[in-house]
Full PDB file with SEQRES, HELIX, SHEET, SSBOND, CRYST1, ORIGX, SCALE, CONECT and MASTER records, all heavy atoms in Angstrom:
SEQRES   1 A   32  ILE ARG ASN LEU ALA MET THR HIS LEU GLY PRO PRO MET          
SEQRES   2 A   32  VAL ASP ILE LEU SER ASN MET PRO PRO ALA GLU VAL ALA          
SEQRES   3 A   32  GLU TYR ASP HIS LYS HIS                                      
HELIX    1 AA1 THR A    7  LEU A    9  5                                   3    
HELIX    2 AA2 GLY A   10  SER A   18  1                                   9    
HELIX    3 AA3 PRO A   22  LYS A   31  1                                  10    
CRYST1    1.000    1.000    1.000  90.00  90.00  90.00 P 1           1          
ORIGX1      1.000000  0.000000  0.000000        0.00000                         
ORIGX2      0.000000  1.000000  0.000000        0.00000                         
ORIGX3      0.000000  0.000000  1.000000        0.00000                         
SCALE1      1.000000  0.000000  0.000000        0.00000                         
SCALE2      0.000000  1.000000  0.000000        0.00000                         
SCALE3      0.000000  0.000000  1.000000        0.00000                         
ATOM      1  N   ILE A   1      17.403  18.504  14.551  1.00  0.00           N  
ATOM      2  CA  ILE A   1      17.416  17.735  13.309  1.00  0.00           C  
ATOM      3  C   ILE A   1      16.021  17.147  13.134  1.00  0.00           C  
ATOM      4  O   ILE A   1      15.478  16.545  14.057  1.00  0.00           O  
ATOM      5  CB  ILE A   1      18.458  16.603  13.375  1.00  0.00           C  
ATOM      6  CG1 ILE A   1      19.830  17.166  13.748  1.00  0.00           C  
ATOM      7  CG2 ILE A   1      18.522  15.842  12.056  1.00  0.00           C  
ATOM      8  CD1 ILE A   1      20.806  16.100  14.229  1.00  0.00           C  
ATOM      9  N   ARG A   2      15.445  17.308  11.946  1.00  0.00           N  
ATOM     10  CA  ARG A   2      14.077  16.836  11.721  1.00  0.00           C  
ATOM     11  C   ARG A   2      13.975  16.081  10.390  1.00  0.00           C  
ATOM     12  O   ARG A   2      14.723  16.337   9.454  1.00  0.00           O  
ATOM     13  CB  ARG A   2      13.105  18.015  11.689  1.00  0.00           C  
ATOM     14  CG  ARG A   2      12.922  18.708  13.027  1.00  0.00           C  
ATOM     15  CD  ARG A   2      12.169  17.821  14.002  1.00  0.00           C  
ATOM     16  NE  ARG A   2      11.928  18.491  15.272  1.00  0.00           N  
ATOM     17  CZ  ARG A   2      12.718  18.414  16.319  1.00  0.00           C  
ATOM     18  NH1 ARG A   2      13.821  17.678  16.257  1.00  0.00           N  
ATOM     19  NH2 ARG A   2      12.423  19.048  17.438  1.00  0.00           N  
ATOM     20  N   ASN A   3      13.011  15.169  10.329  1.00  0.00           N  
ATOM     21  CA  ASN A   3      12.615  14.555   9.058  1.00  0.00           C  
ATOM     22  C   ASN A   3      11.143  14.162   9.159  1.00  0.00           C  
ATOM     23  O   ASN A   3      10.526  14.274  10.218  1.00  0.00           O  
ATOM     24  CB  ASN A   3      13.504  13.356   8.703  1.00  0.00           C  
ATOM     25  CG  ASN A   3      13.374  12.225   9.705  1.00  0.00           C  
ATOM     26  OD1 ASN A   3      12.740  12.368  10.756  1.00  0.00           O  
ATOM     27  ND2 ASN A   3      13.958  11.093   9.399  1.00  0.00           N  
ATOM     28  N   LEU A   4      10.584  13.733   8.039  1.00  0.00           N  
ATOM     29  CA  LEU A   4       9.182  13.324   8.022  1.00  0.00           C  
ATOM     30  C   LEU A   4       9.047  12.006   8.770  1.00  0.00           C  
ATOM     31  O   LEU A   4       9.752  11.043   8.480  1.00  0.00           O  
ATOM     32  CB  LEU A   4       8.696  13.173   6.582  1.00  0.00           C  
ATOM     33  CG  LEU A   4       7.196  12.996   6.377  1.00  0.00           C  
ATOM     34  CD1 LEU A   4       6.437  14.246   6.806  1.00  0.00           C  
ATOM     35  CD2 LEU A   4       6.907  12.684   4.916  1.00  0.00           C  
ATOM     36  N   ALA A   5       8.141  11.965   9.729  1.00  0.00           N  
ATOM     37  CA  ALA A   5       8.031  10.809  10.614  1.00  0.00           C  
ATOM     38  C   ALA A   5       7.254   9.665   9.983  1.00  0.00           C  
ATOM     39  O   ALA A   5       6.385   9.864   9.132  1.00  0.00           O  
ATOM     40  CB  ALA A   5       7.355  11.228  11.923  1.00  0.00           C  
ATOM     41  N   MET A   6       7.577   8.458  10.399  1.00  0.00           N  
ATOM     42  CA  MET A   6       6.808   7.234  10.155  1.00  0.00           C  
ATOM     43  C   MET A   6       6.747   6.819   8.683  1.00  0.00           C  
ATOM     44  O   MET A   6       5.898   6.032   8.296  1.00  0.00           O  
ATOM     45  CB  MET A   6       5.382   7.378  10.722  1.00  0.00           C  
ATOM     46  CG  MET A   6       5.366   7.711  12.200  1.00  0.00           C  
ATOM     47  SD  MET A   6       3.715   7.957  12.890  1.00  0.00           S  
ATOM     48  CE  MET A   6       3.142   6.265  12.975  1.00  0.00           C  
ATOM     49  N   THR A   7       7.651   7.312   7.855  1.00  0.00           N  
ATOM     50  CA  THR A   7       7.632   6.909   6.446  1.00  0.00           C  
ATOM     51  C   THR A   7       8.048   5.451   6.259  1.00  0.00           C  
ATOM     52  O   THR A   7       7.823   4.883   5.185  1.00  0.00           O  
ATOM     53  CB  THR A   7       8.563   7.808   5.612  1.00  0.00           C  
ATOM     54  OG1 THR A   7       9.871   7.811   6.199  1.00  0.00           O  
ATOM     55  CG2 THR A   7       8.033   9.236   5.554  1.00  0.00           C  
ATOM     56  N   HIS A   8       8.638   4.857   7.291  1.00  0.00           N  
ATOM     57  CA  HIS A   8       8.997   3.437   7.190  1.00  0.00           C  
ATOM     58  C   HIS A   8       7.763   2.546   7.030  1.00  0.00           C  
ATOM     59  O   HIS A   8       7.878   1.390   6.605  1.00  0.00           O  
ATOM     60  CB  HIS A   8       9.782   3.007   8.432  1.00  0.00           C  
ATOM     61  CG  HIS A   8       8.973   3.051   9.702  1.00  0.00           C  
ATOM     62  ND1 HIS A   8       8.695   4.223  10.370  1.00  0.00           N  
ATOM     63  CD2 HIS A   8       8.351   2.062  10.398  1.00  0.00           C  
ATOM     64  CE1 HIS A   8       7.951   3.966  11.431  1.00  0.00           C  
ATOM     65  NE2 HIS A   8       7.731   2.668  11.477  1.00  0.00           N  
ATOM     66  N   LEU A   9       6.585   3.075   7.368  1.00  0.00           N  
ATOM     67  CA  LEU A   9       5.354   2.297   7.212  1.00  0.00           C  
ATOM     68  C   LEU A   9       4.931   2.188   5.752  1.00  0.00           C  
ATOM     69  O   LEU A   9       4.150   1.299   5.396  1.00  0.00           O  
ATOM     70  CB  LEU A   9       4.226   2.960   8.022  1.00  0.00           C  
ATOM     71  CG  LEU A   9       4.445   3.067   9.533  1.00  0.00           C  
ATOM     72  CD1 LEU A   9       3.295   3.840  10.164  1.00  0.00           C  
ATOM     73  CD2 LEU A   9       4.586   1.692  10.162  1.00  0.00           C  
ATOM     74  N   GLY A  10       5.432   3.079   4.900  1.00  0.00           N  
ATOM     75  CA  GLY A  10       4.998   3.110   3.520  1.00  0.00           C  
ATOM     76  C   GLY A  10       5.450   1.944   2.658  1.00  0.00           C  
ATOM     77  O   GLY A  10       4.611   1.299   1.995  1.00  0.00           O  
ATOM     78  N   PRO A  11       6.749   1.627   2.616  1.00  0.00           N  
ATOM     79  CA  PRO A  11       7.227   0.564   1.713  1.00  0.00           C  
ATOM     80  C   PRO A  11       6.535  -0.782   1.888  1.00  0.00           C  
ATOM     81  O   PRO A  11       6.190  -1.421   0.875  1.00  0.00           O  
ATOM     82  CB  PRO A  11       8.725   0.493   2.028  1.00  0.00           C  
ATOM     83  CG  PRO A  11       9.067   1.885   2.438  1.00  0.00           C  
ATOM     84  CD  PRO A  11       7.884   2.370   3.217  1.00  0.00           C  
ATOM     85  N   PRO A  12       6.288  -1.281   3.114  1.00  0.00           N  
ATOM     86  CA  PRO A  12       5.555  -2.554   3.221  1.00  0.00           C  
ATOM     87  C   PRO A  12       4.154  -2.484   2.619  1.00  0.00           C  
ATOM     88  O   PRO A  12       3.691  -3.443   1.979  1.00  0.00           O  
ATOM     89  CB  PRO A  12       5.492  -2.796   4.735  1.00  0.00           C  
ATOM     90  CG  PRO A  12       6.620  -2.022   5.306  1.00  0.00           C  
ATOM     91  CD  PRO A  12       6.726  -0.805   4.447  1.00  0.00           C  
ATOM     92  N   MET A  13       3.484  -1.338   2.785  1.00  0.00           N  
ATOM     93  CA  MET A  13       2.147  -1.183   2.213  1.00  0.00           C  
ATOM     94  C   MET A  13       2.217  -1.118   0.689  1.00  0.00           C  
ATOM     95  O   MET A  13       1.364  -1.669  -0.011  1.00  0.00           O  
ATOM     96  CB  MET A  13       1.493   0.079   2.775  1.00  0.00           C  
ATOM     97  CG  MET A  13       1.286   0.043   4.284  1.00  0.00           C  
ATOM     98  SD  MET A  13       0.888   1.659   5.000  1.00  0.00           S  
ATOM     99  CE  MET A  13      -0.750   1.930   4.341  1.00  0.00           C  
ATOM    100  N   VAL A  14       3.247  -0.469   0.168  1.00  0.00           N  
ATOM    101  CA  VAL A  14       3.440  -0.410  -1.283  1.00  0.00           C  
ATOM    102  C   VAL A  14       3.683  -1.810  -1.835  1.00  0.00           C  
ATOM    103  O   VAL A  14       3.143  -2.184  -2.887  1.00  0.00           O  
ATOM    104  CB  VAL A  14       4.614   0.529  -1.639  1.00  0.00           C  
ATOM    105  CG1 VAL A  14       5.038   0.351  -3.102  1.00  0.00           C  
ATOM    106  CG2 VAL A  14       4.231   1.986  -1.372  1.00  0.00           C  
ATOM    107  N   ASP A  15       4.491  -2.608  -1.132  1.00  0.00           N  
ATOM    108  CA  ASP A  15       4.764  -3.981  -1.582  1.00  0.00           C  
ATOM    109  C   ASP A  15       3.492  -4.811  -1.642  1.00  0.00           C  
ATOM    110  O   ASP A  15       3.266  -5.557  -2.612  1.00  0.00           O  
ATOM    111  CB  ASP A  15       5.775  -4.644  -0.643  1.00  0.00           C  
ATOM    112  CG  ASP A  15       7.185  -4.101  -0.827  1.00  0.00           C  
ATOM    113  OD1 ASP A  15       7.437  -3.474  -1.871  1.00  0.00           O  
ATOM    114  OD2 ASP A  15       8.021  -4.300   0.075  1.00  0.00           O  
ATOM    115  N   ILE A  16       2.660  -4.692  -0.620  1.00  0.00           N  
ATOM    116  CA  ILE A  16       1.405  -5.455  -0.587  1.00  0.00           C  
ATOM    117  C   ILE A  16       0.515  -5.066  -1.756  1.00  0.00           C  
ATOM    118  O   ILE A  16      -0.007  -5.917  -2.487  1.00  0.00           O  
ATOM    119  CB  ILE A  16       0.682  -5.235   0.754  1.00  0.00           C  
ATOM    120  CG1 ILE A  16       1.475  -5.871   1.905  1.00  0.00           C  
ATOM    121  CG2 ILE A  16      -0.732  -5.814   0.701  1.00  0.00           C  
ATOM    122  CD1 ILE A  16       0.939  -5.523   3.286  1.00  0.00           C  
ATOM    123  N   LEU A  17       0.344  -3.748  -1.967  1.00  0.00           N  
ATOM    124  CA  LEU A  17      -0.528  -3.281  -3.037  1.00  0.00           C  
ATOM    125  C   LEU A  17       0.040  -3.611  -4.413  1.00  0.00           C  
ATOM    126  O   LEU A  17      -0.699  -3.962  -5.338  1.00  0.00           O  
ATOM    127  CB  LEU A  17      -0.744  -1.775  -2.910  1.00  0.00           C  
ATOM    128  CG  LEU A  17      -1.597  -1.310  -1.724  1.00  0.00           C  
ATOM    129  CD1 LEU A  17      -1.527   0.200  -1.569  1.00  0.00           C  
ATOM    130  CD2 LEU A  17      -3.048  -1.751  -1.903  1.00  0.00           C  
ATOM    131  N   SER A  18       1.358  -3.525  -4.548  1.00  0.00           N  
ATOM    132  CA  SER A  18       1.985  -3.783  -5.852  1.00  0.00           C  
ATOM    133  C   SER A  18       1.857  -5.238  -6.275  1.00  0.00           C  
ATOM    134  O   SER A  18       1.845  -5.541  -7.480  1.00  0.00           O  
ATOM    135  CB  SER A  18       3.467  -3.390  -5.810  1.00  0.00           C  
ATOM    136  OG  SER A  18       3.620  -2.023  -5.532  1.00  0.00           O  
ATOM    137  N   ASN A  19       1.773  -6.133  -5.301  1.00  0.00           N  
ATOM    138  CA  ASN A  19       1.748  -7.565  -5.601  1.00  0.00           C  
ATOM    139  C   ASN A  19       0.348  -8.165  -5.593  1.00  0.00           C  
ATOM    140  O   ASN A  19       0.189  -9.384  -5.655  1.00  0.00           O  
ATOM    141  CB  ASN A  19       2.642  -8.313  -4.611  1.00  0.00           C  
ATOM    142  CG  ASN A  19       4.114  -7.964  -4.798  1.00  0.00           C  
ATOM    143  OD1 ASN A  19       4.618  -7.977  -5.921  1.00  0.00           O  
ATOM    144  ND2 ASN A  19       4.804  -7.638  -3.715  1.00  0.00           N  
ATOM    145  N   MET A  20      -0.667  -7.328  -5.519  1.00  0.00           N  
ATOM    146  CA  MET A  20      -2.034  -7.833  -5.557  1.00  0.00           C  
ATOM    147  C   MET A  20      -2.379  -8.363  -6.947  1.00  0.00           C  
ATOM    148  O   MET A  20      -2.138  -7.675  -7.946  1.00  0.00           O  
ATOM    149  CB  MET A  20      -3.032  -6.721  -5.199  1.00  0.00           C  
ATOM    150  CG  MET A  20      -3.247  -6.500  -3.718  1.00  0.00           C  
ATOM    151  SD  MET A  20      -4.587  -5.289  -3.462  1.00  0.00           S  
ATOM    152  CE  MET A  20      -4.663  -5.311  -1.664  1.00  0.00           C  
ATOM    153  N   PRO A  21      -2.954  -9.545  -7.054  1.00  0.00           N  
ATOM    154  CA  PRO A  21      -3.423 -10.037  -8.353  1.00  0.00           C  
ATOM    155  C   PRO A  21      -4.642  -9.231  -8.809  1.00  0.00           C  
ATOM    156  O   PRO A  21      -5.302  -8.577  -7.994  1.00  0.00           O  
ATOM    157  CB  PRO A  21      -3.787 -11.496  -8.071  1.00  0.00           C  
ATOM    158  CG  PRO A  21      -4.020 -11.560  -6.605  1.00  0.00           C  
ATOM    159  CD  PRO A  21      -3.143 -10.535  -5.972  1.00  0.00           C  
ATOM    160  N   PRO A  22      -4.950  -9.266 -10.105  1.00  0.00           N  
ATOM    161  CA  PRO A  22      -6.061  -8.462 -10.637  1.00  0.00           C  
ATOM    162  C   PRO A  22      -7.386  -8.654  -9.905  1.00  0.00           C  
ATOM    163  O   PRO A  22      -8.125  -7.685  -9.710  1.00  0.00           O  
ATOM    164  CB  PRO A  22      -6.156  -8.933 -12.089  1.00  0.00           C  
ATOM    165  CG  PRO A  22      -4.768  -9.383 -12.429  1.00  0.00           C  
ATOM    166  CD  PRO A  22      -4.227  -9.993 -11.171  1.00  0.00           C  
ATOM    167  N   ALA A  23      -7.692  -9.873  -9.506  1.00  0.00           N  
ATOM    168  CA  ALA A  23      -8.966 -10.111  -8.822  1.00  0.00           C  
ATOM    169  C   ALA A  23      -9.015  -9.355  -7.494  1.00  0.00           C  
ATOM    170  O   ALA A  23     -10.049  -8.790  -7.122  1.00  0.00           O  
ATOM    171  CB  ALA A  23      -9.167 -11.608  -8.589  1.00  0.00           C  
ATOM    172  N   GLU A  24      -7.899  -9.325  -6.776  1.00  0.00           N  
ATOM    173  CA  GLU A  24      -7.855  -8.619  -5.498  1.00  0.00           C  
ATOM    174  C   GLU A  24      -7.891  -7.106  -5.714  1.00  0.00           C  
ATOM    175  O   GLU A  24      -8.459  -6.373  -4.897  1.00  0.00           O  
ATOM    176  CB  GLU A  24      -6.612  -9.023  -4.711  1.00  0.00           C  
ATOM    177  CG  GLU A  24      -6.655 -10.448  -4.179  1.00  0.00           C  
ATOM    178  CD  GLU A  24      -5.474 -10.760  -3.277  1.00  0.00           C  
ATOM    179  OE1 GLU A  24      -4.783  -9.820  -2.848  1.00  0.00           O  
ATOM    180  OE2 GLU A  24      -5.254 -11.965  -3.006  1.00  0.00           O  
ATOM    181  N   VAL A  25      -7.290  -6.651  -6.806  1.00  0.00           N  
ATOM    182  CA  VAL A  25      -7.347  -5.227  -7.125  1.00  0.00           C  
ATOM    183  C   VAL A  25      -8.795  -4.809  -7.382  1.00  0.00           C  
ATOM    184  O   VAL A  25      -9.253  -3.773  -6.891  1.00  0.00           O  
ATOM    185  CB  VAL A  25      -6.469  -4.904  -8.355  1.00  0.00           C  
ATOM    186  CG1 VAL A  25      -6.711  -3.461  -8.829  1.00  0.00           C  
ATOM    187  CG2 VAL A  25      -4.994  -5.114  -8.027  1.00  0.00           C  
ATOM    188  N   ALA A  26      -9.510  -5.633  -8.122  1.00  0.00           N  
ATOM    189  CA  ALA A  26     -10.923  -5.332  -8.398  1.00  0.00           C  
ATOM    190  C   ALA A  26     -11.734  -5.302  -7.115  1.00  0.00           C  
ATOM    191  O   ALA A  26     -12.605  -4.434  -6.931  1.00  0.00           O  
ATOM    192  CB  ALA A  26     -11.475  -6.365  -9.374  1.00  0.00           C  
ATOM    193  N   GLU A  27     -11.468  -6.245  -6.237  1.00  0.00           N  
ATOM    194  CA  GLU A  27     -12.178  -6.277  -4.955  1.00  0.00           C  
ATOM    195  C   GLU A  27     -11.828  -5.050  -4.111  1.00  0.00           C  
ATOM    196  O   GLU A  27     -12.700  -4.468  -3.453  1.00  0.00           O  
ATOM    197  CB  GLU A  27     -11.816  -7.553  -4.197  1.00  0.00           C  
ATOM    198  CG  GLU A  27     -12.569  -7.715  -2.885  1.00  0.00           C  
ATOM    199  CD  GLU A  27     -12.202  -8.992  -2.145  1.00  0.00           C  
ATOM    200  OE1 GLU A  27     -11.392  -9.796  -2.683  1.00  0.00           O  
ATOM    201  OE2 GLU A  27     -12.714  -9.187  -1.021  1.00  0.00           O  
ATOM    202  N   TYR A  28     -10.557  -4.677  -4.138  1.00  0.00           N  
ATOM    203  CA  TYR A  28     -10.113  -3.482  -3.393  1.00  0.00           C  
ATOM    204  C   TYR A  28     -10.845  -2.247  -3.903  1.00  0.00           C  
ATOM    205  O   TYR A  28     -11.348  -1.437  -3.115  1.00  0.00           O  
ATOM    206  CB  TYR A  28      -8.601  -3.311  -3.555  1.00  0.00           C  
ATOM    207  CG  TYR A  28      -8.024  -2.170  -2.747  1.00  0.00           C  
ATOM    208  CD1 TYR A  28      -7.432  -2.407  -1.509  1.00  0.00           C  
ATOM    209  CD2 TYR A  28      -8.062  -0.851  -3.211  1.00  0.00           C  
ATOM    210  CE1 TYR A  28      -6.898  -1.362  -0.765  1.00  0.00           C  
ATOM    211  CE2 TYR A  28      -7.548   0.193  -2.468  1.00  0.00           C  
ATOM    212  CZ  TYR A  28      -6.954  -0.069  -1.243  1.00  0.00           C  
ATOM    213  OH  TYR A  28      -6.441   0.961  -0.497  1.00  0.00           O  
ATOM    214  N   ASP A  29     -10.913  -2.097  -5.227  1.00  0.00           N  
ATOM    215  CA  ASP A  29     -11.584  -0.936  -5.810  1.00  0.00           C  
ATOM    216  C   ASP A  29     -13.067  -0.913  -5.450  1.00  0.00           C  
ATOM    217  O   ASP A  29     -13.643   0.159  -5.239  1.00  0.00           O  
ATOM    218  CB  ASP A  29     -11.418  -0.943  -7.327  1.00  0.00           C  
ATOM    219  CG  ASP A  29      -9.993  -0.599  -7.758  1.00  0.00           C  
ATOM    220  OD1 ASP A  29      -9.232  -0.072  -6.929  1.00  0.00           O  
ATOM    221  OD2 ASP A  29      -9.650  -0.872  -8.926  1.00  0.00           O  
ATOM    222  N   HIS A  30     -13.678  -2.102  -5.365  1.00  0.00           N  
ATOM    223  CA  HIS A  30     -15.099  -2.183  -5.001  1.00  0.00           C  
ATOM    224  C   HIS A  30     -15.311  -1.729  -3.556  1.00  0.00           C  
ATOM    225  O   HIS A  30     -16.303  -1.049  -3.256  1.00  0.00           O  
ATOM    226  CB  HIS A  30     -15.596  -3.610  -5.192  1.00  0.00           C  
ATOM    227  CG  HIS A  30     -17.032  -3.798  -4.806  1.00  0.00           C  
ATOM    228  ND1 HIS A  30     -18.085  -3.299  -5.561  1.00  0.00           N  
ATOM    229  CD2 HIS A  30     -17.603  -4.424  -3.725  1.00  0.00           C  
ATOM    230  CE1 HIS A  30     -19.223  -3.596  -4.966  1.00  0.00           C  
ATOM    231  NE2 HIS A  30     -18.963  -4.270  -3.859  1.00  0.00           N  
ATOM    232  N   LYS A  31     -14.381  -2.087  -2.691  1.00  0.00           N  
ATOM    233  CA  LYS A  31     -14.509  -1.737  -1.273  1.00  0.00           C  
ATOM    234  C   LYS A  31     -14.090  -0.291  -0.983  1.00  0.00           C  
ATOM    235  O   LYS A  31     -14.470   0.268   0.039  1.00  0.00           O  
ATOM    236  CB  LYS A  31     -13.665  -2.690  -0.420  1.00  0.00           C  
ATOM    237  CG  LYS A  31     -14.183  -4.116  -0.375  1.00  0.00           C  
ATOM    238  CD  LYS A  31     -13.292  -4.981   0.508  1.00  0.00           C  
ATOM    239  CE  LYS A  31     -13.836  -6.399   0.618  1.00  0.00           C  
ATOM    240  NZ  LYS A  31     -12.953  -7.266   1.456  1.00  0.00           N  
ATOM    241  N   HIS A  32     -13.278   0.281  -1.860  1.00  0.00           N  
ATOM    242  CA  HIS A  32     -12.762   1.639  -1.627  1.00  0.00           C  
ATOM    243  C   HIS A  32     -13.051   2.514  -2.850  1.00  0.00           C  
ATOM    244  O   HIS A  32     -12.125   2.901  -3.584  1.00  0.00           O  
ATOM    245  CB  HIS A  32     -11.256   1.608  -1.348  1.00  0.00           C  
ATOM    246  CG  HIS A  32     -10.861   0.714  -0.228  1.00  0.00           C  
ATOM    247  ND1 HIS A  32     -10.577  -0.629  -0.407  1.00  0.00           N  
ATOM    248  CD2 HIS A  32     -10.717   0.955   1.108  1.00  0.00           C  
ATOM    249  CE1 HIS A  32     -10.256  -1.163   0.752  1.00  0.00           C  
ATOM    250  NE2 HIS A  32     -10.344  -0.233   1.687  1.00  0.00           N  
TER     251      HIS A  32                                                      
MASTER        0    0    0    3    0    0    0    6  250    1    0    3          
END                                                                             
């Protein structure tokens, strides 16, 4: 039986990115 591993790491990262205020989004884009 197989599935894609470690996908549980995704939702917390999505939550963090989704809740970033505009200023932090701009800073993120500048750094990346």
